[in-house]
Amino acid sequence: MQYRRYTVLAIVTSLLEEAALAAVVLWLLPMVAIKIPLWGLIIMMIALGVYNYITYRLGMKALIKKPMISPDIGSRGRTTTPISPKGYVRIKGELWQASSSSTIDAGVEIAVVGMEGMTLMISPVEKENHARKADAFSG
């Protein structure tokens, strides 16, 4: 399996963290007169295990996701910040810097019309639809 080493490393580091927690609670804290009952240690270890599992799942999701090299012309997304003339858009879950000749509010559906370096040139989808309808009507 491709991510087997990542899984083994996650298990080993989780076990080491659990052992360190047990050592601190059972050995180090009693040395400074802090006593935590066994049920408290068990709750802390369960909480640490749940945290490790959640971060493992999120990490695996990030490793499995294929990165987008660059969006194709016509790709659609939404603005995350107002674009005037620059801002940010989210396309297929990735955040990109974008530029437009017109001001576009946040949350508006956009389409990619070009690319300059790593900045996307965008236009709102509504304007494209109106332009198509006008061309069809005049033609």
N, C-alpha and C. Protein backbone atom coordinates (compact mmCIF):
# COMPACT_ATOMS: atom_id res chain seq x y z
N MET A 1 0.82 -1.19 0.00
CA MET A 1 0.00 0.00 0.00
C MET A 1 0.87 1.26 0.00
N GLN A 2 0.41 2.30 -0.67
CA GLN A 2 1.21 3.50 -0.86
C GLN A 2 1.44 4.27 0.44
N TYR A 3 0.45 4.32 1.33
CA TYR A 3 0.56 5.13 2.54
C TYR A 3 0.79 4.27 3.79
N ARG A 4 1.29 3.08 3.59
CA ARG A 4 1.52 2.16 4.71
C ARG A 4 2.52 2.73 5.71
N ARG A 5 3.58 3.34 5.22
CA ARG A 5 4.60 3.90 6.11
C ARG A 5 4.02 5.03 6.95
N TYR A 6 3.14 5.84 6.34
CA TYR A 6 2.49 6.92 7.07
C TYR A 6 1.61 6.36 8.19
N THR A 7 0.89 5.29 7.92
CA THR A 7 0.02 4.68 8.93
C THR A 7 0.84 4.09 10.07
N VAL A 8 1.92 3.39 9.75
CA VAL A 8 2.78 2.81 10.78
C VAL A 8 3.39 3.92 11.63
N LEU A 9 3.86 4.98 11.01
CA LEU A 9 4.44 6.10 11.74
C LEU A 9 3.39 6.75 12.65
N ALA A 10 2.16 6.89 12.18
CA ALA A 10 1.09 7.48 12.99
C ALA A 10 0.80 6.61 14.20
N ILE A 11 0.78 5.30 14.03
CA ILE A 11 0.51 4.38 15.15
C ILE A 11 1.65 4.45 16.17
N VAL A 12 2.89 4.41 15.70
CA VAL A 12 4.04 4.43 16.61
C VAL A 12 4.08 5.74 17.40
N THR A 13 3.90 6.86 16.72
CA THR A 13 3.95 8.15 17.44
C THR A 13 2.77 8.28 18.40
N SER A 14 1.61 7.75 18.06
CA SER A 14 0.47 7.78 18.98
C SER A 14 0.76 6.97 20.23
N LEU A 15 1.35 5.80 20.06
CA LEU A 15 1.71 4.98 21.22
C LEU A 15 2.76 5.67 22.09
N LEU A 16 3.72 6.32 21.46
CA LEU A 16 4.73 7.06 22.24
C LEU A 16 4.11 8.23 23.01
N GLU A 17 3.17 8.92 22.38
CA GLU A 17 2.49 10.02 23.08
C GLU A 17 1.68 9.49 24.27
N GLU A 18 1.00 8.37 24.08
CA GLU A 18 0.23 7.77 25.17
C GLU A 18 1.16 7.36 26.32
N ALA A 19 2.31 6.77 25.99
CA ALA A 19 3.28 6.36 27.01
C ALA A 19 3.84 7.58 27.75
N ALA A 20 4.12 8.66 27.01
CA ALA A 20 4.62 9.88 27.65
C ALA A 20 3.57 10.46 28.59
N LEU A 21 2.31 10.45 28.18
CA LEU A 21 1.24 10.96 29.04
C LEU A 21 1.14 10.13 30.32
N ALA A 22 1.18 8.80 30.18
CA ALA A 22 1.11 7.93 31.35
C ALA A 22 2.31 8.16 32.27
N ALA A 23 3.50 8.34 31.70
CA ALA A 23 4.69 8.58 32.51
C ALA A 23 4.58 9.89 33.28
N VAL A 24 4.08 10.91 32.64
CA VAL A 24 3.95 12.21 33.31
C VAL A 24 2.94 12.11 34.45
N VAL A 25 1.79 11.49 34.18
CA VAL A 25 0.73 11.43 35.19
C VAL A 25 1.10 10.48 36.34
N LEU A 26 1.71 9.34 36.03
CA LEU A 26 2.01 8.35 37.07
C LEU A 26 3.34 8.57 37.79
N TRP A 27 4.28 9.25 37.15
CA TRP A 27 5.61 9.36 37.74
C TRP A 27 6.00 10.81 38.06
N LEU A 28 5.85 11.70 37.08
CA LEU A 28 6.34 13.07 37.26
C LEU A 28 5.44 13.92 38.16
N LEU A 29 4.14 13.89 37.92
CA LEU A 29 3.23 14.72 38.71
C LEU A 29 3.20 14.34 40.19
N PRO A 30 3.23 13.03 40.56
CA PRO A 30 3.29 12.71 42.00
C PRO A 30 4.56 13.24 42.68
N MET A 31 5.63 13.46 41.93
CA MET A 31 6.86 14.00 42.51
C MET A 31 6.68 15.44 42.98
N VAL A 32 5.72 16.15 42.38
CA VAL A 32 5.44 17.54 42.79
C VAL A 32 4.09 17.62 43.52
N ALA A 33 3.69 16.51 44.11
CA ALA A 33 2.49 16.42 44.94
C ALA A 33 1.19 16.68 44.18
N ILE A 34 1.15 16.31 42.91
CA ILE A 34 -0.10 16.38 42.14
C ILE A 34 -0.49 14.95 41.82
N LYS A 35 -1.66 14.58 42.33
CA LYS A 35 -2.12 13.21 42.13
C LYS A 35 -3.39 13.23 41.29
N ILE A 36 -3.35 12.53 40.18
CA ILE A 36 -4.50 12.40 39.29
C ILE A 36 -4.98 10.96 39.41
N PRO A 37 -6.29 10.77 39.64
CA PRO A 37 -6.79 9.39 39.78
C PRO A 37 -6.67 8.62 38.47
N LEU A 38 -6.71 7.30 38.59
CA LEU A 38 -6.56 6.43 37.43
C LEU A 38 -7.63 6.71 36.39
N TRP A 39 -8.87 6.97 36.80
CA TRP A 39 -9.94 7.25 35.84
C TRP A 39 -9.65 8.55 35.08
N GLY A 40 -8.98 9.51 35.71
CA GLY A 40 -8.59 10.75 35.03
C GLY A 40 -7.56 10.47 33.95
N LEU A 41 -6.59 9.59 34.27
CA LEU A 41 -5.59 9.20 33.28
C LEU A 41 -6.25 8.48 32.11
N ILE A 42 -7.20 7.61 32.40
CA ILE A 42 -7.89 6.88 31.33
C ILE A 42 -8.64 7.85 30.42
N ILE A 43 -9.33 8.82 30.99
CA ILE A 43 -10.06 9.81 30.19
C ILE A 43 -9.08 10.62 29.32
N MET A 44 -7.96 11.03 29.90
CA MET A 44 -6.96 11.79 29.12
C MET A 44 -6.40 10.95 27.98
N MET A 45 -6.16 9.66 28.23
CA MET A 45 -5.60 8.80 27.19
C MET A 45 -6.62 8.57 26.08
N ILE A 46 -7.89 8.42 26.44
CA ILE A 46 -8.94 8.27 25.41
C ILE A 46 -9.04 9.54 24.58
N ALA A 47 -9.02 10.70 25.25
CA ALA A 47 -9.10 11.97 24.53
C ALA A 47 -7.91 12.13 23.58
N LEU A 48 -6.71 11.77 24.04
CA LEU A 48 -5.52 11.86 23.17
C LEU A 48 -5.64 10.89 22.00
N GLY A 49 -6.17 9.71 22.24
CA GLY A 49 -6.36 8.74 21.16
C GLY A 49 -7.36 9.24 20.12
N VAL A 50 -8.46 9.84 20.58
CA VAL A 50 -9.45 10.40 19.65
C VAL A 50 -8.83 11.53 18.83
N TYR A 51 -8.07 12.41 19.49
CA TYR A 51 -7.40 13.51 18.79
C TYR A 51 -6.44 12.96 17.74
N ASN A 52 -5.66 11.95 18.09
CA ASN A 52 -4.71 11.37 17.14
C ASN A 52 -5.44 10.73 15.95
N TYR A 53 -6.56 10.07 16.21
CA TYR A 53 -7.33 9.45 15.13
C TYR A 53 -7.87 10.51 14.18
N ILE A 54 -8.42 11.60 14.72
CA ILE A 54 -8.98 12.66 13.88
C ILE A 54 -7.88 13.30 13.03
N THR A 55 -6.74 13.60 13.63
CA THR A 55 -5.66 14.21 12.85
C THR A 55 -5.10 13.23 11.82
N TYR A 56 -5.09 11.94 12.13
CA TYR A 56 -4.65 10.93 11.16
C TYR A 56 -5.59 10.91 9.95
N ARG A 57 -6.91 10.92 10.22
CA ARG A 57 -7.88 10.90 9.11
C ARG A 57 -7.76 12.14 8.25
N LEU A 58 -7.61 13.30 8.88
CA LEU A 58 -7.47 14.54 8.10
C LEU A 58 -6.17 14.54 7.30
N GLY A 59 -5.11 14.03 7.90
CA GLY A 59 -3.83 13.95 7.20
C GLY A 59 -3.89 13.01 6.01
N MET A 60 -4.56 11.87 6.18
CA MET A 60 -4.69 10.93 5.07
C MET A 60 -5.52 11.53 3.94
N LYS A 61 -6.57 12.27 4.30
CA LYS A 61 -7.40 12.90 3.28
C LYS A 61 -6.56 13.90 2.48
N ALA A 62 -5.69 14.64 3.16
CA ALA A 62 -4.83 15.60 2.46
C ALA A 62 -3.80 14.90 1.59
N LEU A 63 -3.27 13.76 2.04
CA LEU A 63 -2.28 13.03 1.25
C LEU A 63 -2.90 12.39 0.01
N ILE A 64 -4.13 11.90 0.14
CA ILE A 64 -4.78 11.21 -0.97
C ILE A 64 -5.25 12.19 -2.04
N LYS A 65 -5.63 13.40 -1.63
CA LYS A 65 -6.16 14.37 -2.58
C LYS A 65 -5.10 14.74 -3.62
N LYS A 66 -5.47 14.65 -4.87
CA LYS A 66 -4.57 15.01 -5.96
C LYS A 66 -4.54 16.53 -6.11
N PRO A 67 -3.36 17.13 -6.14
CA PRO A 67 -3.30 18.58 -6.29
C PRO A 67 -3.66 19.00 -7.71
N MET A 68 -4.26 20.17 -7.83
CA MET A 68 -4.62 20.72 -9.13
C MET A 68 -3.42 21.57 -9.58
N ILE A 69 -2.84 21.25 -10.71
CA ILE A 69 -1.70 22.00 -11.22
C ILE A 69 -2.14 23.42 -11.57
N SER A 70 -3.16 23.53 -12.35
CA SER A 70 -3.78 24.83 -12.63
C SER A 70 -5.17 24.56 -13.19
N PRO A 71 -6.13 25.41 -12.84
CA PRO A 71 -7.48 25.20 -13.35
C PRO A 71 -7.53 25.43 -14.86
N ASP A 72 -8.36 24.68 -15.53
CA ASP A 72 -8.55 24.85 -16.97
C ASP A 72 -9.41 26.08 -17.24
N ILE A 73 -9.28 26.62 -18.45
CA ILE A 73 -10.15 27.70 -18.88
C ILE A 73 -11.59 27.17 -18.85
N GLY A 74 -12.48 27.91 -18.25
CA GLY A 74 -13.86 27.49 -18.12
C GLY A 74 -14.18 26.84 -16.79
N SER A 75 -13.13 26.53 -15.99
CA SER A 75 -13.39 25.96 -14.66
C SER A 75 -14.20 26.95 -13.84
N ARG A 76 -15.08 26.42 -13.01
CA ARG A 76 -15.95 27.29 -12.22
C ARG A 76 -15.60 27.19 -10.75
N GLY A 77 -15.88 28.27 -10.04
CA GLY A 77 -15.64 28.32 -8.61
C GLY A 77 -16.40 29.49 -8.01
N ARG A 78 -16.01 29.88 -6.80
CA ARG A 78 -16.65 31.01 -6.12
C ARG A 78 -15.58 31.93 -5.55
N THR A 79 -15.92 33.21 -5.53
CA THR A 79 -15.01 34.18 -4.91
C THR A 79 -15.09 34.01 -3.40
N THR A 80 -13.93 34.08 -2.74
CA THR A 80 -13.90 34.02 -1.28
C THR A 80 -13.71 35.40 -0.68
N THR A 81 -13.15 36.32 -1.48
CA THR A 81 -13.01 37.72 -1.07
C THR A 81 -13.52 38.56 -2.23
N PRO A 82 -13.85 39.81 -1.96
CA PRO A 82 -14.22 40.68 -3.08
C PRO A 82 -13.04 40.82 -4.05
N ILE A 83 -13.33 40.86 -5.33
CA ILE A 83 -12.29 41.01 -6.34
C ILE A 83 -12.38 42.44 -6.87
N SER A 84 -11.38 43.26 -6.55
CA SER A 84 -11.40 44.63 -7.06
C SER A 84 -9.99 45.22 -7.05
N PRO A 85 -9.16 45.07 -7.95
CA PRO A 85 -9.22 44.16 -9.09
C PRO A 85 -8.67 42.78 -8.76
N LYS A 86 -8.04 42.61 -7.56
CA LYS A 86 -7.51 41.29 -7.18
C LYS A 86 -8.18 40.79 -5.92
N GLY A 87 -8.19 39.50 -5.77
CA GLY A 87 -8.75 38.85 -4.59
C GLY A 87 -8.51 37.36 -4.69
N TYR A 88 -9.32 36.58 -3.97
CA TYR A 88 -9.12 35.13 -3.94
C TYR A 88 -10.40 34.40 -4.31
N VAL A 89 -10.22 33.26 -5.01
CA VAL A 89 -11.34 32.41 -5.41
C VAL A 89 -11.02 30.98 -4.99
N ARG A 90 -12.06 30.18 -4.81
CA ARG A 90 -11.89 28.76 -4.49
C ARG A 90 -12.43 27.96 -5.66
N ILE A 91 -11.54 27.13 -6.24
CA ILE A 91 -11.91 26.27 -7.36
C ILE A 91 -11.51 24.85 -6.99
N LYS A 92 -12.48 23.95 -7.00
CA LYS A 92 -12.28 22.53 -6.65
C LYS A 92 -11.56 22.40 -5.30
N GLY A 93 -11.94 23.23 -4.35
CA GLY A 93 -11.40 23.14 -3.00
C GLY A 93 -10.05 23.81 -2.81
N GLU A 94 -9.48 24.41 -3.85
CA GLU A 94 -8.19 25.06 -3.72
C GLU A 94 -8.35 26.58 -3.84
N LEU A 95 -7.56 27.30 -3.06
CA LEU A 95 -7.62 28.75 -3.05
C LEU A 95 -6.61 29.32 -4.05
N TRP A 96 -7.08 30.22 -4.92
CA TRP A 96 -6.25 30.82 -5.95
C TRP A 96 -6.38 32.33 -5.91
N GLN A 97 -5.29 33.02 -6.22
CA GLN A 97 -5.36 34.47 -6.40
C GLN A 97 -5.98 34.73 -7.76
N ALA A 98 -6.87 35.72 -7.81
CA ALA A 98 -7.58 35.99 -9.06
C ALA A 98 -7.64 37.49 -9.31
N SER A 99 -7.85 37.82 -10.58
CA SER A 99 -7.96 39.20 -11.00
C SER A 99 -9.10 39.31 -12.00
N SER A 100 -9.78 40.47 -11.96
CA SER A 100 -10.89 40.69 -12.88
C SER A 100 -10.90 42.16 -13.29
N SER A 101 -11.39 42.43 -14.49
CA SER A 101 -11.48 43.81 -14.95
C SER A 101 -12.64 44.54 -14.29
N SER A 102 -13.58 43.78 -13.70
CA SER A 102 -14.71 44.40 -13.00
C SER A 102 -14.69 43.99 -11.53
N THR A 103 -15.40 44.72 -10.71
CA THR A 103 -15.50 44.39 -9.29
C THR A 103 -16.50 43.27 -9.11
N ILE A 104 -16.11 42.26 -8.33
CA ILE A 104 -16.96 41.10 -8.06
C ILE A 104 -17.03 40.92 -6.56
N ASP A 105 -18.23 40.76 -6.02
CA ASP A 105 -18.42 40.57 -4.58
C ASP A 105 -17.99 39.16 -4.16
N ALA A 106 -17.82 38.97 -2.86
CA ALA A 106 -17.50 37.65 -2.31
C ALA A 106 -18.71 36.74 -2.45
N GLY A 107 -18.46 35.44 -2.70
CA GLY A 107 -19.53 34.45 -2.79
C GLY A 107 -20.18 34.33 -4.15
N VAL A 108 -19.64 35.02 -5.15
CA VAL A 108 -20.22 35.00 -6.49
C VAL A 108 -19.60 33.85 -7.30
N GLU A 109 -20.41 33.15 -8.07
CA GLU A 109 -19.89 32.08 -8.92
C GLU A 109 -19.13 32.71 -10.08
N ILE A 110 -17.95 32.17 -10.36
CA ILE A 110 -17.08 32.73 -11.41
C ILE A 110 -16.62 31.62 -12.34
N ALA A 111 -16.07 32.04 -13.48
CA ALA A 111 -15.45 31.11 -14.42
C ALA A 111 -14.06 31.64 -14.76
N VAL A 112 -13.13 30.73 -14.97
CA VAL A 112 -11.76 31.10 -15.34
C VAL A 112 -11.73 31.42 -16.83
N VAL A 113 -11.21 32.60 -17.18
CA VAL A 113 -11.12 32.97 -18.60
C VAL A 113 -9.67 33.07 -19.07
N GLY A 114 -8.72 32.98 -18.15
CA GLY A 114 -7.32 33.04 -18.53
C GLY A 114 -6.43 32.93 -17.31
N MET A 115 -5.11 33.01 -17.55
CA MET A 115 -4.16 32.90 -16.45
C MET A 115 -2.92 33.71 -16.78
N GLU A 116 -2.46 34.52 -15.83
CA GLU A 116 -1.21 35.27 -15.97
C GLU A 116 -0.33 34.87 -14.81
N GLY A 117 0.71 34.10 -15.09
CA GLY A 117 1.56 33.58 -14.02
C GLY A 117 0.73 32.64 -13.16
N MET A 118 0.65 32.94 -11.87
CA MET A 118 -0.15 32.14 -10.94
C MET A 118 -1.45 32.85 -10.56
N THR A 119 -1.80 33.90 -11.28
CA THR A 119 -3.04 34.64 -11.02
C THR A 119 -4.07 34.29 -12.09
N LEU A 120 -5.25 33.89 -11.65
CA LEU A 120 -6.32 33.54 -12.58
C LEU A 120 -7.05 34.79 -13.03
N MET A 121 -7.38 34.83 -14.29
CA MET A 121 -8.23 35.90 -14.83
C MET A 121 -9.64 35.32 -14.83
N ILE A 122 -10.58 36.01 -14.18
CA ILE A 122 -11.92 35.45 -14.00
C ILE A 122 -12.99 36.42 -14.47
N SER A 123 -14.19 35.89 -14.63
CA SER A 123 -15.36 36.72 -14.88
C SER A 123 -16.55 36.05 -14.20
N PRO A 124 -17.53 36.83 -13.77
CA PRO A 124 -18.69 36.23 -13.12
C PRO A 124 -19.49 35.38 -14.10
N VAL A 125 -20.06 34.30 -13.63
CA VAL A 125 -20.83 33.40 -14.48
C VAL A 125 -22.07 34.09 -15.01
N GLU A 126 -22.73 34.96 -14.23
CA GLU A 126 -23.95 35.63 -14.67
C GLU A 126 -23.69 36.43 -15.94
N LYS A 127 -22.56 37.14 -16.01
CA LYS A 127 -22.25 37.93 -17.21
C LYS A 127 -22.08 37.04 -18.43
N GLU A 128 -21.46 35.86 -18.22
CA GLU A 128 -21.30 34.94 -19.35
C GLU A 128 -22.66 34.47 -19.86
N ASN A 129 -23.56 34.10 -18.94
CA ASN A 129 -24.88 33.63 -19.35
C ASN A 129 -25.66 34.72 -20.07
N HIS A 130 -25.59 35.97 -19.58
CA HIS A 130 -26.29 37.07 -20.23
C HIS A 130 -25.71 37.32 -21.62
N ALA A 131 -24.38 37.20 -21.76
CA ALA A 131 -23.75 37.42 -23.05
C ALA A 131 -24.18 36.34 -24.04
N ARG A 132 -24.27 35.10 -23.60
CA ARG A 132 -24.70 34.01 -24.48
C ARG A 132 -26.14 34.23 -24.91
N LYS A 133 -26.99 34.62 -23.97
CA LYS A 133 -28.39 34.87 -24.31
C LYS A 133 -28.51 36.02 -25.29
N ALA A 134 -27.70 37.08 -25.11
CA ALA A 134 -27.75 38.23 -26.01
C ALA A 134 -27.28 37.83 -27.40
N ASP A 135 -26.21 37.00 -27.49
CA ASP A 135 -25.71 36.53 -28.79
C ASP A 135 -26.76 35.68 -29.49
N ALA A 136 -27.43 34.82 -28.73
CA ALA A 136 -28.46 33.95 -29.32
C ALA A 136 -29.64 34.78 -29.79
N PHE A 137 -29.98 35.81 -29.02
CA PHE A 137 -31.13 36.66 -29.36
C PHE A 137 -30.84 37.52 -30.58
N SER A 138 -29.60 38.06 -30.69
CA SER A 138 -29.27 38.95 -31.81
C SER A 138 -28.94 38.17 -33.08
N GLY A 139 -28.57 36.90 -32.92
CA GLY A 139 -28.13 36.10 -34.07
C GLY A 139 -29.26 35.48 -34.76
